[in-house]
């Protein structure tokens, strides 16, 4: 088994934004997820979901989590993904939230 550390980042919109999709023949562990509110005035709510491809269903990891203006929410519990599973995030306001994920891929 080979291990590779990866990063994934995205500007988060007001609809589901795919941040990371686990590739074929790979398992992945998201070690940390950083959600930064880049709006200097308004708070924004974030919804974090994992798409389980084997169940063809989205599951909430965090729902409507407030991220105050000019601050960062750190989600530091591992999230395990299998082939074709996805990490998605939705913001309550477009262009206010950025995401960065630290990922370990295992092949």
PDB file of N, CA and C in Angstrom:
ATOM      1  N   UNK A   1       0.840  -1.187   0.000  1.00  0.00           N
ATOM      2  CA  UNK A   1       0.000   0.000   0.000  1.00  0.00           C
ATOM      3  C   UNK A   1       0.879   1.242   0.000  1.00  0.00           C
ATOM      4  N   UNK A   2       0.527   2.160  -0.853  1.00  0.00           N
ATOM      5  CA  UNK A   2       1.246   3.431  -0.920  1.00  0.00           C
ATOM      6  C   UNK A   2       0.385   4.525  -0.314  1.00  0.00           C
ATOM      7  N   UNK A   3       1.049   5.434   0.393  1.00  0.00           N
ATOM      8  CA  UNK A   3       0.368   6.573   0.996  1.00  0.00           C
ATOM      9  C   UNK A   3       0.849   7.842   0.330  1.00  0.00           C
ATOM     10  N   UNK A   4      -0.083   8.759   0.079  1.00  0.00           N
ATOM     11  CA  UNK A   4       0.271  10.055  -0.504  1.00  0.00           C
ATOM     12  C   UNK A   4      -0.571  11.132   0.169  1.00  0.00           C
ATOM     13  N   UNK A   5       0.088  12.196   0.598  1.00  0.00           N
ATOM     14  CA  UNK A   5      -0.623  13.318   1.192  1.00  0.00           C
ATOM     15  C   UNK A   5      -1.030  14.280   0.080  1.00  0.00           C
ATOM     16  N   UNK A   6      -2.277  14.707   0.116  1.00  0.00           N
ATOM     17  CA  UNK A   6      -2.836  15.598  -0.889  1.00  0.00           C
ATOM     18  C   UNK A   6      -3.516  16.774  -0.208  1.00  0.00           C
ATOM     19  N   UNK A   7      -3.704  17.833  -0.982  1.00  0.00           N
ATOM     20  CA  UNK A   7      -4.477  18.985  -0.538  1.00  0.00           C
ATOM     21  C   UNK A   7      -5.598  19.223  -1.533  1.00  0.00           C
ATOM     22  N   UNK A   8      -6.694  19.746  -1.055  1.00  0.00           N
ATOM     23  CA  UNK A   8      -7.797  20.135  -1.930  1.00  0.00           C
ATOM     24  C   UNK A   8      -8.367  21.437  -1.394  1.00  0.00           C
ATOM     25  N   UNK A   9      -8.660  22.350  -2.280  1.00  0.00           N
ATOM     26  CA  UNK A   9      -9.229  23.628  -1.876  1.00  0.00           C
ATOM     27  C   UNK A   9     -10.298  24.052  -2.851  1.00  0.00           C
ATOM     28  N   UNK A  10     -11.210  24.894  -2.386  1.00  0.00           N
ATOM     29  CA  UNK A  10     -12.283  25.376  -3.250  1.00  0.00           C
ATOM     30  C   UNK A  10     -12.915  26.621  -2.661  1.00  0.00           C
ATOM     31  N   UNK A  11     -13.388  27.475  -3.548  1.00  0.00           N
ATOM     32  CA  UNK A  11     -14.279  28.563  -3.155  1.00  0.00           C
ATOM     33  C   UNK A  11     -15.670  27.939  -3.096  1.00  0.00           C
ATOM     34  N   UNK A  12     -16.382  28.168  -2.014  1.00  0.00           N
ATOM     35  CA  UNK A  12     -17.655  27.481  -1.789  1.00  0.00           C
ATOM     36  C   UNK A  12     -18.820  28.372  -2.201  1.00  0.00           C
ATOM     37  N   UNK A  13     -19.724  27.787  -2.972  1.00  0.00           N
ATOM     38  CA  UNK A  13     -20.899  28.518  -3.439  1.00  0.00           C
ATOM     39  C   UNK A  13     -22.130  28.229  -2.602  1.00  0.00           C
ATOM     40  N   UNK A  14     -23.243  28.777  -3.034  1.00  0.00           N
ATOM     41  CA  UNK A  14     -24.504  28.619  -2.324  1.00  0.00           C
ATOM     42  C   UNK A  14     -25.229  27.332  -2.727  1.00  0.00           C
ATOM     43  N   UNK A  15     -24.623  26.542  -3.608  1.00  0.00           N
ATOM     44  CA  UNK A  15     -25.106  25.200  -3.924  1.00  0.00           C
ATOM     45  C   UNK A  15     -23.983  24.232  -3.588  1.00  0.00           C
ATOM     46  N   UNK A  16     -24.280  22.948  -3.530  1.00  0.00           N
ATOM     47  CA  UNK A  16     -23.257  21.946  -3.177  1.00  0.00           C
ATOM     48  C   UNK A  16     -22.027  22.101  -4.057  1.00  0.00           C
ATOM     49  N   UNK A  17     -20.887  22.228  -3.399  1.00  0.00           N
ATOM     50  CA  UNK A  17     -19.609  22.332  -4.098  1.00  0.00           C
ATOM     51  C   UNK A  17     -18.778  21.105  -3.759  1.00  0.00           C
ATOM     52  N   UNK A  18     -18.361  20.362  -4.794  1.00  0.00           N
ATOM     53  CA  UNK A  18     -17.485  19.211  -4.578  1.00  0.00           C
ATOM     54  C   UNK A  18     -16.086  19.725  -4.254  1.00  0.00           C
ATOM     55  N   UNK A  19     -15.578  19.356  -3.101  1.00  0.00           N
ATOM     56  CA  UNK A  19     -14.238  19.755  -2.681  1.00  0.00           C
ATOM     57  C   UNK A  19     -13.235  18.660  -3.027  1.00  0.00           C
ATOM     58  N   UNK A  20     -13.649  17.394  -2.835  1.00  0.00           N
ATOM     59  CA  UNK A  20     -12.734  16.278  -3.093  1.00  0.00           C
ATOM     60  C   UNK A  20     -13.554  15.042  -3.422  1.00  0.00           C
ATOM     61  N   UNK A  21     -13.091  14.289  -4.426  1.00  0.00           N
ATOM     62  CA  UNK A  21     -13.673  12.997  -4.777  1.00  0.00           C
ATOM     63  C   UNK A  21     -12.580  11.946  -4.686  1.00  0.00           C
ATOM     64  N   UNK A  22     -12.849  10.871  -3.973  1.00  0.00           N
ATOM     65  CA  UNK A  22     -11.868   9.807  -3.801  1.00  0.00           C
ATOM     66  C   UNK A  22     -11.686   9.061  -5.130  1.00  0.00           C
ATOM     67  N   UNK A  23     -10.444   8.986  -5.632  1.00  0.00           N
ATOM     68  CA  UNK A  23     -10.199   8.348  -6.927  1.00  0.00           C
ATOM     69  C   UNK A  23     -10.354   6.823  -6.900  1.00  0.00           C
ATOM     70  N   UNK A  24     -10.348   6.228  -8.099  1.00  0.00           N
ATOM     71  CA  UNK A  24     -10.441   4.777  -8.251  1.00  0.00           C
ATOM     72  C   UNK A  24      -9.260   4.098  -7.559  1.00  0.00           C
ATOM     73  N   UNK A  25      -9.505   2.899  -7.054  1.00  0.00           N
ATOM     74  CA  UNK A  25      -8.483   2.073  -6.403  1.00  0.00           C
ATOM     75  C   UNK A  25      -7.802   2.791  -5.236  1.00  0.00           C
ATOM     76  N   UNK A  26      -8.537   3.631  -4.550  1.00  0.00           N
ATOM     77  CA  UNK A  26      -7.980   4.456  -3.476  1.00  0.00           C
ATOM     78  C   UNK A  26      -8.968   4.560  -2.321  1.00  0.00           C
ATOM     79  N   UNK A  27      -8.434   4.648  -1.127  1.00  0.00           N
ATOM     80  CA  UNK A  27      -9.199   5.050   0.049  1.00  0.00           C
ATOM     81  C   UNK A  27      -8.568   6.346   0.524  1.00  0.00           C
ATOM     82  N   UNK A  28      -9.336   7.191   1.185  1.00  0.00           N
ATOM     83  CA  UNK A  28      -8.797   8.479   1.622  1.00  0.00           C
ATOM     84  C   UNK A  28      -9.280   8.811   3.024  1.00  0.00           C
ATOM     85  N   UNK A  29      -8.422   9.542   3.734  1.00  0.00           N
ATOM     86  CA  UNK A  29      -8.771  10.050   5.053  1.00  0.00           C
ATOM     87  C   UNK A  29      -8.572  11.560   5.019  1.00  0.00           C
ATOM     88  N   UNK A  30      -9.641  12.283   5.272  1.00  0.00           N
ATOM     89  CA  UNK A  30      -9.535  13.733   5.389  1.00  0.00           C
ATOM     90  C   UNK A  30      -9.159  14.003   6.840  1.00  0.00           C
ATOM     91  N   UNK A  31      -7.933  14.487   7.035  1.00  0.00           N
ATOM     92  CA  UNK A  31      -7.425  14.695   8.394  1.00  0.00           C
ATOM     93  C   UNK A  31      -7.922  15.998   8.999  1.00  0.00           C
ATOM     94  N   UNK A  32      -8.009  17.018   8.187  1.00  0.00           N
ATOM     95  CA  UNK A  32      -8.458  18.316   8.691  1.00  0.00           C
ATOM     96  C   UNK A  32      -9.148  19.073   7.567  1.00  0.00           C
ATOM     97  N   UNK A  33     -10.112  19.869   7.968  1.00  0.00           N
ATOM     98  CA  UNK A  33     -10.886  20.670   7.033  1.00  0.00           C
ATOM     99  C   UNK A  33     -10.966  22.080   7.607  1.00  0.00           C
ATOM    100  N   UNK A  34     -10.549  23.054   6.816  1.00  0.00           N
ATOM    101  CA  UNK A  34     -10.542  24.454   7.244  1.00  0.00           C
ATOM    102  C   UNK A  34     -11.555  25.223   6.411  1.00  0.00           C
ATOM    103  N   UNK A  35     -12.502  25.874   7.075  1.00  0.00           N
ATOM    104  CA  UNK A  35     -13.501  26.700   6.400  1.00  0.00           C
ATOM    105  C   UNK A  35     -13.269  28.141   6.824  1.00  0.00           C
ATOM    106  N   UNK A  36     -12.875  28.977   5.865  1.00  0.00           N
ATOM    107  CA  UNK A  36     -12.552  30.377   6.163  1.00  0.00           C
ATOM    108  C   UNK A  36     -13.595  31.303   5.570  1.00  0.00           C
ATOM    109  N   UNK A  37     -14.125  32.159   6.429  1.00  0.00           N
ATOM    110  CA  UNK A  37     -15.060  33.185   5.980  1.00  0.00           C
ATOM    111  C   UNK A  37     -14.226  34.376   5.514  1.00  0.00           C
ATOM    112  N   UNK A  38     -14.235  34.643   4.225  1.00  0.00           N
ATOM    113  CA  UNK A  38     -13.426  35.720   3.667  1.00  0.00           C
ATOM    114  C   UNK A  38     -14.202  37.035   3.583  1.00  0.00           C
ATOM    115  N   UNK A  39     -15.440  37.030   4.045  1.00  0.00           N
ATOM    116  CA  UNK A  39     -16.238  38.251   4.101  1.00  0.00           C
ATOM    117  C   UNK A  39     -15.898  38.968   5.411  1.00  0.00           C
ATOM    118  N   UNK A  40     -15.545  40.219   5.346  1.00  0.00           N
ATOM    119  CA  UNK A  40     -15.142  40.965   6.527  1.00  0.00           C
ATOM    120  C   UNK A  40     -16.286  41.484   7.374  1.00  0.00           C
ATOM    121  N   UNK A  41     -17.535  41.252   6.940  1.00  0.00           N
ATOM    122  CA  UNK A  41     -18.671  41.845   7.639  1.00  0.00           C
ATOM    123  C   UNK A  41     -19.690  40.819   8.119  1.00  0.00           C
ATOM    124  N   UNK A  42     -20.045  39.877   7.254  1.00  0.00           N
ATOM    125  CA  UNK A  42     -21.174  38.980   7.536  1.00  0.00           C
ATOM    126  C   UNK A  42     -20.742  37.571   7.899  1.00  0.00           C
ATOM    127  N   UNK A  43     -21.481  36.970   8.821  1.00  0.00           N
ATOM    128  CA  UNK A  43     -21.310  35.560   9.142  1.00  0.00           C
ATOM    129  C   UNK A  43     -21.894  34.728   7.998  1.00  0.00           C
ATOM    130  N   UNK A  44     -21.391  33.531   7.828  1.00  0.00           N
ATOM    131  CA  UNK A  44     -21.916  32.622   6.806  1.00  0.00           C
ATOM    132  C   UNK A  44     -22.093  31.245   7.445  1.00  0.00           C
ATOM    133  N   UNK A  45     -23.116  30.521   7.023  1.00  0.00           N
ATOM    134  CA  UNK A  45     -23.347  29.172   7.520  1.00  0.00           C
ATOM    135  C   UNK A  45     -22.795  28.168   6.519  1.00  0.00           C
ATOM    136  N   UNK A  46     -22.183  27.097   7.026  1.00  0.00           N
ATOM    137  CA  UNK A  46     -21.621  26.044   6.180  1.00  0.00           C
ATOM    138  C   UNK A  46     -22.301  24.717   6.485  1.00  0.00           C
ATOM    139  N   UNK A  47     -22.576  23.964   5.445  1.00  0.00           N
ATOM    140  CA  UNK A  47     -23.084  22.609   5.577  1.00  0.00           C
ATOM    141  C   UNK A  47     -22.081  21.672   4.921  1.00  0.00           C
ATOM    142  N   UNK A  48     -21.565  20.720   5.706  1.00  0.00           N
ATOM    143  CA  UNK A  48     -20.565  19.760   5.239  1.00  0.00           C
ATOM    144  C   UNK A  48     -21.268  18.417   5.061  1.00  0.00           C
ATOM    145  N   UNK A  49     -21.100  17.815   3.877  1.00  0.00           N
ATOM    146  CA  UNK A  49     -21.710  16.519   3.607  1.00  0.00           C
ATOM    147  C   UNK A  49     -20.698  15.575   2.961  1.00  0.00           C
ATOM    148  N   UNK A  50     -20.932  14.291   3.146  1.00  0.00           N
ATOM    149  CA  UNK A  50     -20.181  13.260   2.440  1.00  0.00           C
ATOM    150  C   UNK A  50     -21.175  12.505   1.573  1.00  0.00           C
ATOM    151  N   UNK A  51     -20.819  12.363   0.303  1.00  0.00           N
ATOM    152  CA  UNK A  51     -21.614  11.538  -0.596  1.00  0.00           C
ATOM    153  C   UNK A  51     -21.060  10.126  -0.532  1.00  0.00           C
ATOM    154  N   UNK A  52     -21.880   9.191  -0.080  1.00  0.00           N
ATOM    155  CA  UNK A  52     -21.505   7.779  -0.014  1.00  0.00           C
ATOM    156  C   UNK A  52     -21.947   7.136  -1.323  1.00  0.00           C
ATOM    157  N   UNK A  53     -20.984   6.863  -2.204  1.00  0.00           N
ATOM    158  CA  UNK A  53     -21.329   6.361  -3.536  1.00  0.00           C
ATOM    159  C   UNK A  53     -21.963   4.972  -3.488  1.00  0.00           C
ATOM    160  N   UNK A  54     -21.609   4.158  -2.494  1.00  0.00           N
ATOM    161  CA  UNK A  54     -22.204   2.821  -2.418  1.00  0.00           C
ATOM    162  C   UNK A  54     -23.675   2.873  -2.020  1.00  0.00           C
ATOM    163  N   UNK A  55     -24.079   3.913  -1.308  1.00  0.00           N
ATOM    164  CA  UNK A  55     -25.476   4.084  -0.913  1.00  0.00           C
ATOM    165  C   UNK A  55     -26.193   5.119  -1.783  1.00  0.00           C
ATOM    166  N   UNK A  56     -25.426   5.806  -2.642  1.00  0.00           N
ATOM    167  CA  UNK A  56     -25.963   6.875  -3.494  1.00  0.00           C
ATOM    168  C   UNK A  56     -26.740   7.905  -2.663  1.00  0.00           C
ATOM    169  N   UNK A  57     -26.143   8.298  -1.525  1.00  0.00           N
ATOM    170  CA  UNK A  57     -26.802   9.199  -0.579  1.00  0.00           C
ATOM    171  C   UNK A  57     -25.801  10.180   0.012  1.00  0.00           C
ATOM    172  N   UNK A  58     -26.278  11.406   0.247  1.00  0.00           N
ATOM    173  CA  UNK A  58     -25.494  12.410   0.971  1.00  0.00           C
ATOM    174  C   UNK A  58     -25.802  12.303   2.459  1.00  0.00           C
ATOM    175  N   UNK A  59     -24.758  12.360   3.282  1.00  0.00           N
ATOM    176  CA  UNK A  59     -24.920  12.353   4.738  1.00  0.00           C
ATOM    177  C   UNK A  59     -24.289  13.615   5.317  1.00  0.00           C
ATOM    178  N   UNK A  60     -24.980  14.236   6.264  1.00  0.00           N
ATOM    179  CA  UNK A  60     -24.459  15.445   6.903  1.00  0.00           C
ATOM    180  C   UNK A  60     -23.350  15.107   7.893  1.00  0.00           C
ATOM    181  N   UNK A  61     -22.253  15.815   7.775  1.00  0.00           N
ATOM    182  CA  UNK A  61     -21.184  15.760   8.760  1.00  0.00           C
ATOM    183  C   UNK A  61     -21.360  16.944   9.707  1.00  0.00           C
ATOM    184  N   UNK A  62     -21.798  18.057   9.158  1.00  0.00           N
ATOM    185  CA  UNK A  62     -22.115  19.258   9.920  1.00  0.00           C
ATOM    186  C   UNK A  62     -23.174  20.033   9.164  1.00  0.00           C
ATOM    187  N   UNK A  63     -24.194  20.514   9.849  1.00  0.00           N
ATOM    188  CA  UNK A  63     -25.299  21.196   9.172  1.00  0.00           C
ATOM    189  C   UNK A  63     -25.469  22.603   9.713  1.00  0.00           C
ATOM    190  N   UNK A  64     -25.466  23.558   8.814  1.00  0.00           N
ATOM    191  CA  UNK A  64     -25.701  24.964   9.122  1.00  0.00           C
ATOM    192  C   UNK A  64     -24.801  25.441  10.267  1.00  0.00           C
ATOM    193  N   UNK A  65     -23.501  25.243  10.100  1.00  0.00           N
ATOM    194  CA  UNK A  65     -22.511  25.644  11.102  1.00  0.00           C
ATOM    195  C   UNK A  65     -22.124  27.101  10.857  1.00  0.00           C
ATOM    196  N   UNK A  66     -22.298  27.983  11.834  1.00  0.00           N
ATOM    197  CA  UNK A  66     -21.936  29.380  11.615  1.00  0.00           C
ATOM    198  C   UNK A  66     -20.414  29.590  11.596  1.00  0.00           C
ATOM    199  N   UNK A  67     -19.963  30.345  10.606  1.00  0.00           N
ATOM    200  CA  UNK A  67     -18.564  30.755  10.527  1.00  0.00           C
ATOM    201  C   UNK A  67     -18.576  32.288  10.545  1.00  0.00           C
ATOM    202  N   UNK A  68     -18.191  32.912  11.661  1.00  0.00           N
ATOM    203  CA  UNK A  68     -18.242  34.370  11.765  1.00  0.00           C
ATOM    204  C   UNK A  68     -17.339  35.065  10.742  1.00  0.00           C
ATOM    205  N   UNK A  69     -17.646  36.313  10.475  1.00  0.00           N
ATOM    206  CA  UNK A  69     -16.852  37.111   9.535  1.00  0.00           C
ATOM    207  C   UNK A  69     -15.384  37.102   9.933  1.00  0.00           C
ATOM    208  N   UNK A  70     -14.511  37.012   8.936  1.00  0.00           N
ATOM    209  CA  UNK A  70     -13.053  37.036   9.152  1.00  0.00           C
ATOM    210  C   UNK A  70     -12.551  35.976  10.124  1.00  0.00           C
ATOM    211  N   UNK A  71     -13.162  34.793  10.126  1.00  0.00           N
ATOM    212  CA  UNK A  71     -12.692  33.740  11.015  1.00  0.00           C
ATOM    213  C   UNK A  71     -12.643  32.414  10.261  1.00  0.00           C
ATOM    214  N   UNK A  72     -12.050  31.412  10.926  1.00  0.00           N
ATOM    215  CA  UNK A  72     -11.891  30.096  10.327  1.00  0.00           C
ATOM    216  C   UNK A  72     -12.412  29.027  11.272  1.00  0.00           C
ATOM    217  N   UNK A  73     -13.185  28.106  10.735  1.00  0.00           N
ATOM    218  CA  UNK A  73     -13.654  26.944  11.472  1.00  0.00           C
ATOM    219  C   UNK A  73     -12.743  25.789  11.092  1.00  0.00           C
ATOM    220  N   UNK A  74     -12.212  25.087  12.091  1.00  0.00           N
ATOM    221  CA  UNK A  74     -11.348  23.934  11.842  1.00  0.00           C
ATOM    222  C   UNK A  74     -12.096  22.686  12.273  1.00  0.00           C
ATOM    223  N   UNK A  75     -12.290  21.788  11.326  1.00  0.00           N
ATOM    224  CA  UNK A  75     -12.926  20.502  11.588  1.00  0.00           C
ATOM    225  C   UNK A  75     -11.806  19.479  11.569  1.00  0.00           C
ATOM    226  N   UNK A  76     -11.381  18.996  12.749  1.00  0.00           N
ATOM    227  CA  UNK A  76     -10.166  18.189  12.828  1.00  0.00           C
ATOM    228  C   UNK A  76     -10.412  16.733  13.214  1.00  0.00           C
ATOM    229  N   UNK A  77     -11.556  16.217  12.921  1.00  0.00           N
ATOM    230  CA  UNK A  77     -11.846  14.798  13.130  1.00  0.00           C
ATOM    231  C   UNK A  77     -11.755  14.107  11.777  1.00  0.00           C
ATOM    232  N   UNK A  78     -11.199  12.902  11.719  1.00  0.00           N
ATOM    233  CA  UNK A  78     -11.031  12.240  10.422  1.00  0.00           C
ATOM    234  C   UNK A  78     -12.362  11.882   9.767  1.00  0.00           C
ATOM    235  N   UNK A  79     -12.376  11.991   8.445  1.00  0.00           N
ATOM    236  CA  UNK A  79     -13.508  11.565   7.621  1.00  0.00           C
ATOM    237  C   UNK A  79     -12.940  10.556   6.629  1.00  0.00           C
ATOM    238  N   UNK A  80     -13.452   9.334   6.657  1.00  0.00           N
ATOM    239  CA  UNK A  80     -12.960   8.278   5.786  1.00  0.00           C
ATOM    240  C   UNK A  80     -13.805   8.199   4.517  1.00  0.00           C
ATOM    241  N   UNK A  81     -13.124   8.091   3.393  1.00  0.00           N
ATOM    242  CA  UNK A  81     -13.808   7.999   2.108  1.00  0.00           C
ATOM    243  C   UNK A  81     -13.352   6.764   1.352  1.00  0.00           C
ATOM    244  N   UNK A  82     -14.292   6.164   0.625  1.00  0.00           N
ATOM    245  CA  UNK A  82     -13.995   5.054  -0.265  1.00  0.00           C
ATOM    246  C   UNK A  82     -14.068   5.552  -1.706  1.00  0.00           C
ATOM    247  N   UNK A  83     -13.773   4.668  -2.647  1.00  0.00           N
ATOM    248  CA  UNK A  83     -13.783   5.022  -4.070  1.00  0.00           C
ATOM    249  C   UNK A  83     -15.087   5.734  -4.441  1.00  0.00           C
ATOM    250  N   UNK A  84     -14.961   6.869  -5.112  1.00  0.00           N
ATOM    251  CA  UNK A  84     -16.062   7.695  -5.627  1.00  0.00           C
ATOM    252  C   UNK A  84     -16.866   8.422  -4.557  1.00  0.00           C
ATOM    253  N   UNK A  85     -16.523   8.273  -3.277  1.00  0.00           N
ATOM    254  CA  UNK A  85     -17.153   9.092  -2.241  1.00  0.00           C
ATOM    255  C   UNK A  85     -16.673  10.530  -2.413  1.00  0.00           C
ATOM    256  N   UNK A  86     -17.502  11.493  -2.011  1.00  0.00           N
ATOM    257  CA  UNK A  86     -17.160  12.905  -2.187  1.00  0.00           C
ATOM    258  C   UNK A  86     -17.369  13.692  -0.908  1.00  0.00           C
ATOM    259  N   UNK A  87     -16.531  14.682  -0.710  1.00  0.00           N
ATOM    260  CA  UNK A  87     -16.724  15.690   0.322  1.00  0.00           C
ATOM    261  C   UNK A  87     -17.322  16.903  -0.370  1.00  0.00           C
ATOM    262  N   UNK A  88     -18.483  17.352   0.100  1.00  0.00           N
ATOM    263  CA  UNK A  88     -19.128  18.523  -0.479  1.00  0.00           C
ATOM    264  C   UNK A  88     -19.439  19.531   0.619  1.00  0.00           C
ATOM    265  N   UNK A  89     -19.443  20.803   0.238  1.00  0.00           N
ATOM    266  CA  UNK A  89     -19.759  21.870   1.189  1.00  0.00           C
ATOM    267  C   UNK A  89     -20.681  22.867   0.504  1.00  0.00           C
ATOM    268  N   UNK A  90     -21.622  23.385   1.266  1.00  0.00           N
ATOM    269  CA  UNK A  90     -22.544  24.412   0.790  1.00  0.00           C
ATOM    270  C   UNK A  90     -22.482  25.586   1.751  1.00  0.00           C
ATOM    271  N   UNK A  91     -22.472  26.794   1.218  1.00  0.00           N
ATOM    272  CA  UNK A  91     -22.466  28.013   2.040  1.00  0.00           C
ATOM    273  C   UNK A  91     -23.823  28.704   1.935  1.00  0.00           C
ATOM    274  N   UNK A  92     -24.162  29.465   2.958  1.00  0.00           N
ATOM    275  CA  UNK A  92     -25.428  30.204   2.929  1.00  0.00           C
ATOM    276  C   UNK A  92     -25.341  31.435   2.039  1.00  0.00           C
ATOM    277  N   UNK A  93     -24.122  31.839   1.685  1.00  0.00           N
ATOM    278  CA  UNK A  93     -23.918  32.975   0.788  1.00  0.00           C
ATOM    279  C   UNK A  93     -22.761  32.657  -0.156  1.00  0.00           C
ATOM    280  N   UNK A  94     -22.952  32.903  -1.425  1.00  0.00           N
ATOM    281  CA  UNK A  94     -21.896  32.642  -2.404  1.00  0.00           C
ATOM    282  C   UNK A  94     -20.730  33.601  -2.202  1.00  0.00           C
ATOM    283  N   UNK A  95     -19.536  33.136  -2.472  1.00  0.00           N
ATOM    284  CA  UNK A  95     -18.303  33.936  -2.457  1.00  0.00           C
ATOM    285  C   UNK A  95     -17.834  34.376  -1.075  1.00  0.00           C
ATOM    286  N   UNK A  96     -18.424  33.867  -0.008  1.00  0.00           N
ATOM    287  CA  UNK A  96     -18.008  34.253   1.348  1.00  0.00           C
ATOM    288  C   UNK A  96     -17.143  33.199   2.036  1.00  0.00           C
ATOM    289  N   UNK A  97     -17.096  31.990   1.501  1.00  0.00           N
ATOM    290  CA  UNK A  97     -16.450  30.881   2.194  1.00  0.00           C
ATOM    291  C   UNK A  97     -15.428  30.198   1.287  1.00  0.00           C
ATOM    292  N   UNK A  98     -14.256  29.914   1.860  1.00  0.00           N
ATOM    293  CA  UNK A  98     -13.237  29.121   1.174  1.00  0.00           C
ATOM    294  C   UNK A  98     -12.926  27.903   2.034  1.00  0.00           C
ATOM    295  N   UNK A  99     -12.572  26.805   1.369  1.00  0.00           N
ATOM    296  CA  UNK A  99     -12.294  25.558   2.059  1.00  0.00           C
ATOM    297  C   UNK A  99     -10.926  25.035   1.674  1.00  0.00           C
ATOM    298  N   UNK A 100     -10.252  24.424   2.644  1.00  0.00           N
ATOM    299  CA  UNK A 100      -8.991  23.743   2.394  1.00  0.00           C
ATOM    300  C   UNK A 100      -9.022  22.430   3.168  1.00  0.00           C
ATOM    301  N   UNK A 101      -8.689  21.316   2.494  1.00  0.00           N
ATOM    302  CA  UNK A 101      -8.698  20.003   3.132  1.00  0.00           C
ATOM    303  C   UNK A 101      -7.315  19.372   3.035  1.00  0.00           C
ATOM    304  N   UNK A 102      -6.908  18.733   4.126  1.00  0.00           N
ATOM    305  CA  UNK A 102      -5.671  17.969   4.193  1.00  0.00           C
ATOM    306  C   UNK A 102      -6.048  16.491   4.141  1.00  0.00           C
ATOM    307  N   UNK A 103      -5.534  15.776   3.137  1.00  0.00           N
ATOM    308  CA  UNK A 103      -6.030  14.434   2.823  1.00  0.00           C
ATOM    309  C   UNK A 103      -4.876  13.437   2.728  1.00  0.00           C
ATOM    310  N   UNK A 104      -5.103  12.229   3.227  1.00  0.00           N
ATOM    311  CA  UNK A 104      -4.190  11.116   3.034  1.00  0.00           C
ATOM    312  C   UNK A 104      -4.863  10.124   2.102  1.00  0.00           C
ATOM    313  N   UNK A 105      -4.240   9.866   0.943  1.00  0.00           N
ATOM    314  CA  UNK A 105      -4.746   8.863   0.015  1.00  0.00           C
ATOM    315  C   UNK A 105      -3.948   7.571   0.202  1.00  0.00           C
ATOM    316  N   UNK A 106      -4.674   6.447   0.230  1.00  0.00           N
ATOM    317  CA  UNK A 106      -4.068   5.143   0.410  1.00  0.00           C
ATOM    318  C   UNK A 106      -4.423   4.286  -0.797  1.00  0.00           C
ATOM    319  N   UNK A 107      -3.391   3.821  -1.515  1.00  0.00           N
ATOM    320  CA  UNK A 107      -3.641   3.009  -2.715  1.00  0.00           C
ATOM    321  C   UNK A 107      -3.040   1.619  -2.552  1.00  0.00           C
TER     322      UNK A 107
END
